Amino acid sequence: MPSIVHEYKGYRIAIYSPSGHFAVICPPGSNRVIDFKERQPRATVVEGPLVCLERAQALVESLAAETMPARLP
């Protein structure tokens, strides 16, 4: 079971904390987990789950920036 579940900009972020902390992110309207491979947000036990959540939110921000169409002048 995740220790934290948070919705951010439509994405669902779940933080799991077995021996460290790692985030699983699902896109809006889906239960499919996005595979980030080595970019998966993680934090040590000392850093804590909120640091992992902040890293996941930063990753969602970068995803949102990539998917936004370029604005014309």
N, C-alpha and C. Protein backbone atom coordinates (compact mmCIF):
# COMPACT_ATOMS: atom_id res chain seq x y z
N MET A 1 0.84 -1.18 0.00
CA MET A 1 0.00 0.00 0.00
C MET A 1 0.89 1.25 0.00
N PRO A 2 0.48 2.26 -0.76
CA PRO A 2 1.26 3.50 -0.75
C PRO A 2 1.13 4.23 0.59
N SER A 3 2.20 4.92 0.97
CA SER A 3 2.15 5.70 2.21
C SER A 3 1.51 7.07 1.97
N ILE A 4 1.60 7.57 0.73
CA ILE A 4 0.98 8.85 0.35
C ILE A 4 0.39 8.69 -1.04
N VAL A 5 -0.83 9.19 -1.23
CA VAL A 5 -1.41 9.28 -2.57
C VAL A 5 -1.84 10.74 -2.73
N HIS A 6 -1.37 11.35 -3.82
CA HIS A 6 -1.60 12.78 -4.02
C HIS A 6 -1.93 13.03 -5.49
N GLU A 7 -2.91 13.88 -5.75
CA GLU A 7 -3.22 14.25 -7.13
C GLU A 7 -2.61 15.62 -7.39
N TYR A 8 -1.89 15.72 -8.50
CA TYR A 8 -1.20 16.96 -8.85
C TYR A 8 -1.35 17.20 -10.34
N LYS A 9 -2.02 18.28 -10.70
CA LYS A 9 -2.28 18.65 -12.10
C LYS A 9 -2.91 17.50 -12.87
N GLY A 10 -3.79 16.76 -12.23
CA GLY A 10 -4.49 15.66 -12.87
C GLY A 10 -3.76 14.33 -12.81
N TYR A 11 -2.48 14.35 -12.52
CA TYR A 11 -1.69 13.13 -12.39
C TYR A 11 -1.83 12.60 -10.97
N ARG A 12 -1.89 11.29 -10.82
CA ARG A 12 -1.96 10.68 -9.50
C ARG A 12 -0.56 10.19 -9.13
N ILE A 13 -0.09 10.63 -7.98
CA ILE A 13 1.24 10.27 -7.49
C ILE A 13 1.07 9.42 -6.24
N ALA A 14 1.66 8.24 -6.24
CA ALA A 14 1.63 7.37 -5.06
C ALA A 14 3.07 7.17 -4.60
N ILE A 15 3.30 7.39 -3.31
CA ILE A 15 4.63 7.21 -2.73
C ILE A 15 4.64 5.90 -1.94
N TYR A 16 5.55 5.03 -2.30
CA TYR A 16 5.74 3.76 -1.59
C TYR A 16 7.01 3.86 -0.77
N SER A 17 7.00 3.27 0.41
CA SER A 17 8.14 3.40 1.33
C SER A 17 8.55 2.07 1.95
N PRO A 18 9.03 1.10 1.15
CA PRO A 18 9.45 -0.17 1.75
C PRO A 18 10.75 -0.03 2.55
N SER A 19 11.83 0.43 1.91
CA SER A 19 13.10 0.64 2.61
C SER A 19 13.71 1.98 2.23
N GLY A 20 13.09 2.66 1.33
CA GLY A 20 13.42 4.01 0.90
C GLY A 20 12.09 4.55 0.42
N HIS A 21 12.09 5.54 -0.41
CA HIS A 21 10.82 6.08 -0.92
C HIS A 21 10.92 6.17 -2.44
N PHE A 22 9.88 5.72 -3.14
CA PHE A 22 9.84 5.90 -4.58
C PHE A 22 8.42 6.25 -4.99
N ALA A 23 8.31 7.00 -6.08
CA ALA A 23 7.01 7.47 -6.54
C ALA A 23 6.57 6.70 -7.78
N VAL A 24 5.27 6.47 -7.86
CA VAL A 24 4.63 5.89 -9.03
C VAL A 24 3.64 6.94 -9.52
N ILE A 25 3.69 7.27 -10.82
CA ILE A 25 2.85 8.33 -11.37
C ILE A 25 1.96 7.76 -12.45
N CYS A 26 0.65 8.08 -12.37
CA CYS A 26 -0.34 7.68 -13.37
C CYS A 26 -0.85 8.93 -14.07
N PRO A 27 -1.02 8.89 -15.40
CA PRO A 27 -1.52 10.06 -16.12
C PRO A 27 -2.99 10.31 -15.83
N PRO A 28 -3.48 11.51 -16.18
CA PRO A 28 -4.89 11.83 -15.96
C PRO A 28 -5.82 10.81 -16.62
N GLY A 29 -6.82 10.35 -15.88
CA GLY A 29 -7.83 9.45 -16.40
C GLY A 29 -7.36 8.03 -16.65
N SER A 30 -6.25 7.63 -16.09
CA SER A 30 -5.71 6.29 -16.34
C SER A 30 -5.15 5.69 -15.05
N ASN A 31 -5.13 4.38 -15.01
CA ASN A 31 -4.47 3.68 -13.90
C ASN A 31 -3.13 3.10 -14.35
N ARG A 32 -2.74 3.40 -15.58
CA ARG A 32 -1.48 2.90 -16.12
C ARG A 32 -0.32 3.69 -15.52
N VAL A 33 0.66 3.00 -15.00
CA VAL A 33 1.83 3.65 -14.40
C VAL A 33 2.79 4.04 -15.52
N ILE A 34 3.27 5.28 -15.46
CA ILE A 34 4.25 5.76 -16.43
C ILE A 34 5.61 5.19 -16.04
N ASP A 35 6.30 4.57 -17.01
CA ASP A 35 7.61 3.98 -16.76
C ASP A 35 8.69 5.03 -17.03
N PHE A 36 9.30 5.54 -15.99
CA PHE A 36 10.34 6.56 -16.13
C PHE A 36 11.74 5.97 -16.11
N LYS A 37 11.84 4.69 -15.90
CA LYS A 37 13.13 4.00 -15.80
C LYS A 37 14.02 4.69 -14.77
N GLU A 38 15.18 5.21 -15.17
CA GLU A 38 16.11 5.81 -14.21
C GLU A 38 15.66 7.18 -13.70
N ARG A 39 14.64 7.77 -14.33
CA ARG A 39 14.13 9.08 -13.87
C ARG A 39 13.06 8.95 -12.79
N GLN A 40 12.73 7.72 -12.37
CA GLN A 40 11.69 7.53 -11.35
C GLN A 40 12.08 8.28 -10.08
N PRO A 41 11.17 9.13 -9.57
CA PRO A 41 11.47 9.89 -8.36
C PRO A 41 11.73 8.96 -7.16
N ARG A 42 12.83 9.24 -6.46
CA ARG A 42 13.21 8.45 -5.28
C ARG A 42 13.73 9.39 -4.21
N ALA A 43 13.73 8.91 -2.98
CA ALA A 43 14.32 9.63 -1.85
C ALA A 43 14.78 8.60 -0.83
N THR A 44 15.79 8.96 -0.08
CA THR A 44 16.27 8.06 0.97
C THR A 44 15.34 8.12 2.17
N VAL A 45 15.52 7.20 3.08
CA VAL A 45 14.73 7.20 4.32
C VAL A 45 14.97 8.50 5.08
N VAL A 46 16.21 8.96 5.10
CA VAL A 46 16.55 10.19 5.82
C VAL A 46 15.88 11.41 5.18
N GLU A 47 15.86 11.47 3.84
CA GLU A 47 15.21 12.60 3.15
C GLU A 47 13.70 12.61 3.42
N GLY A 48 13.10 11.44 3.41
CA GLY A 48 11.68 11.32 3.73
C GLY A 48 10.77 11.32 2.52
N PRO A 49 9.51 10.91 2.73
CA PRO A 49 8.56 10.78 1.62
C PRO A 49 8.15 12.11 1.01
N LEU A 50 8.19 13.20 1.77
CA LEU A 50 7.79 14.49 1.21
C LEU A 50 8.79 15.00 0.18
N VAL A 51 10.07 14.66 0.35
CA VAL A 51 11.08 15.00 -0.65
C VAL A 51 10.79 14.22 -1.93
N CYS A 52 10.42 12.97 -1.79
CA CYS A 52 10.06 12.15 -2.95
C CYS A 52 8.85 12.75 -3.66
N LEU A 53 7.86 13.20 -2.89
CA LEU A 53 6.68 13.82 -3.47
C LEU A 53 7.05 15.10 -4.22
N GLU A 54 7.93 15.92 -3.67
CA GLU A 54 8.38 17.13 -4.35
C GLU A 54 9.08 16.79 -5.67
N ARG A 55 9.88 15.75 -5.68
CA ARG A 55 10.58 15.33 -6.90
C ARG A 55 9.59 14.82 -7.94
N ALA A 56 8.56 14.11 -7.49
CA ALA A 56 7.53 13.63 -8.40
C ALA A 56 6.75 14.80 -8.99
N GLN A 57 6.45 15.80 -8.18
CA GLN A 57 5.73 16.98 -8.67
C GLN A 57 6.58 17.73 -9.70
N ALA A 58 7.88 17.82 -9.48
CA ALA A 58 8.77 18.46 -10.45
C ALA A 58 8.78 17.69 -11.77
N LEU A 59 8.74 16.37 -11.69
CA LEU A 59 8.69 15.55 -12.89
C LEU A 59 7.37 15.76 -13.64
N VAL A 60 6.27 15.87 -12.91
CA VAL A 60 4.97 16.14 -13.53
C VAL A 60 5.01 17.51 -14.21
N GLU A 61 5.63 18.49 -13.58
CA GLU A 61 5.79 19.82 -14.19
C GLU A 61 6.52 19.71 -15.53
N SER A 62 7.58 18.92 -15.58
CA SER A 62 8.33 18.78 -16.82
C SER A 62 7.51 18.04 -17.87
N LEU A 63 6.69 17.07 -17.45
CA LEU A 63 5.81 16.38 -18.39
C LEU A 63 4.78 17.34 -18.97
N ALA A 64 4.21 18.17 -18.11
CA ALA A 64 3.21 19.14 -18.56
C ALA A 64 3.83 20.13 -19.54
N ALA A 65 5.07 20.55 -19.30
CA ALA A 65 5.76 21.48 -20.19
C ALA A 65 6.04 20.83 -21.55
N GLU A 66 6.35 19.54 -21.56
CA GLU A 66 6.62 18.83 -22.81
C GLU A 66 5.37 18.66 -23.65
N THR A 67 4.22 18.47 -23.00
CA THR A 67 2.99 18.19 -23.74
C THR A 67 2.23 19.44 -24.13
N MET A 68 2.59 20.61 -23.56
CA MET A 68 1.90 21.85 -23.93
C MET A 68 2.36 22.28 -25.31
N PRO A 69 1.42 22.65 -26.18
CA PRO A 69 1.81 23.12 -27.51
C PRO A 69 2.51 24.47 -27.42
N ALA A 70 3.42 24.70 -28.35
CA ALA A 70 4.13 25.98 -28.38
C ALA A 70 3.14 27.08 -28.73
N ARG A 71 3.26 28.19 -28.05
CA ARG A 71 2.36 29.32 -28.31
C ARG A 71 2.92 30.18 -29.42
N LEU A 72 2.05 30.58 -30.30
CA LEU A 72 2.45 31.45 -31.40
C LEU A 72 2.40 32.90 -30.93
N PRO A 73 3.31 33.74 -31.43
CA PRO A 73 3.32 35.16 -31.01
C PRO A 73 2.11 35.92 -31.50
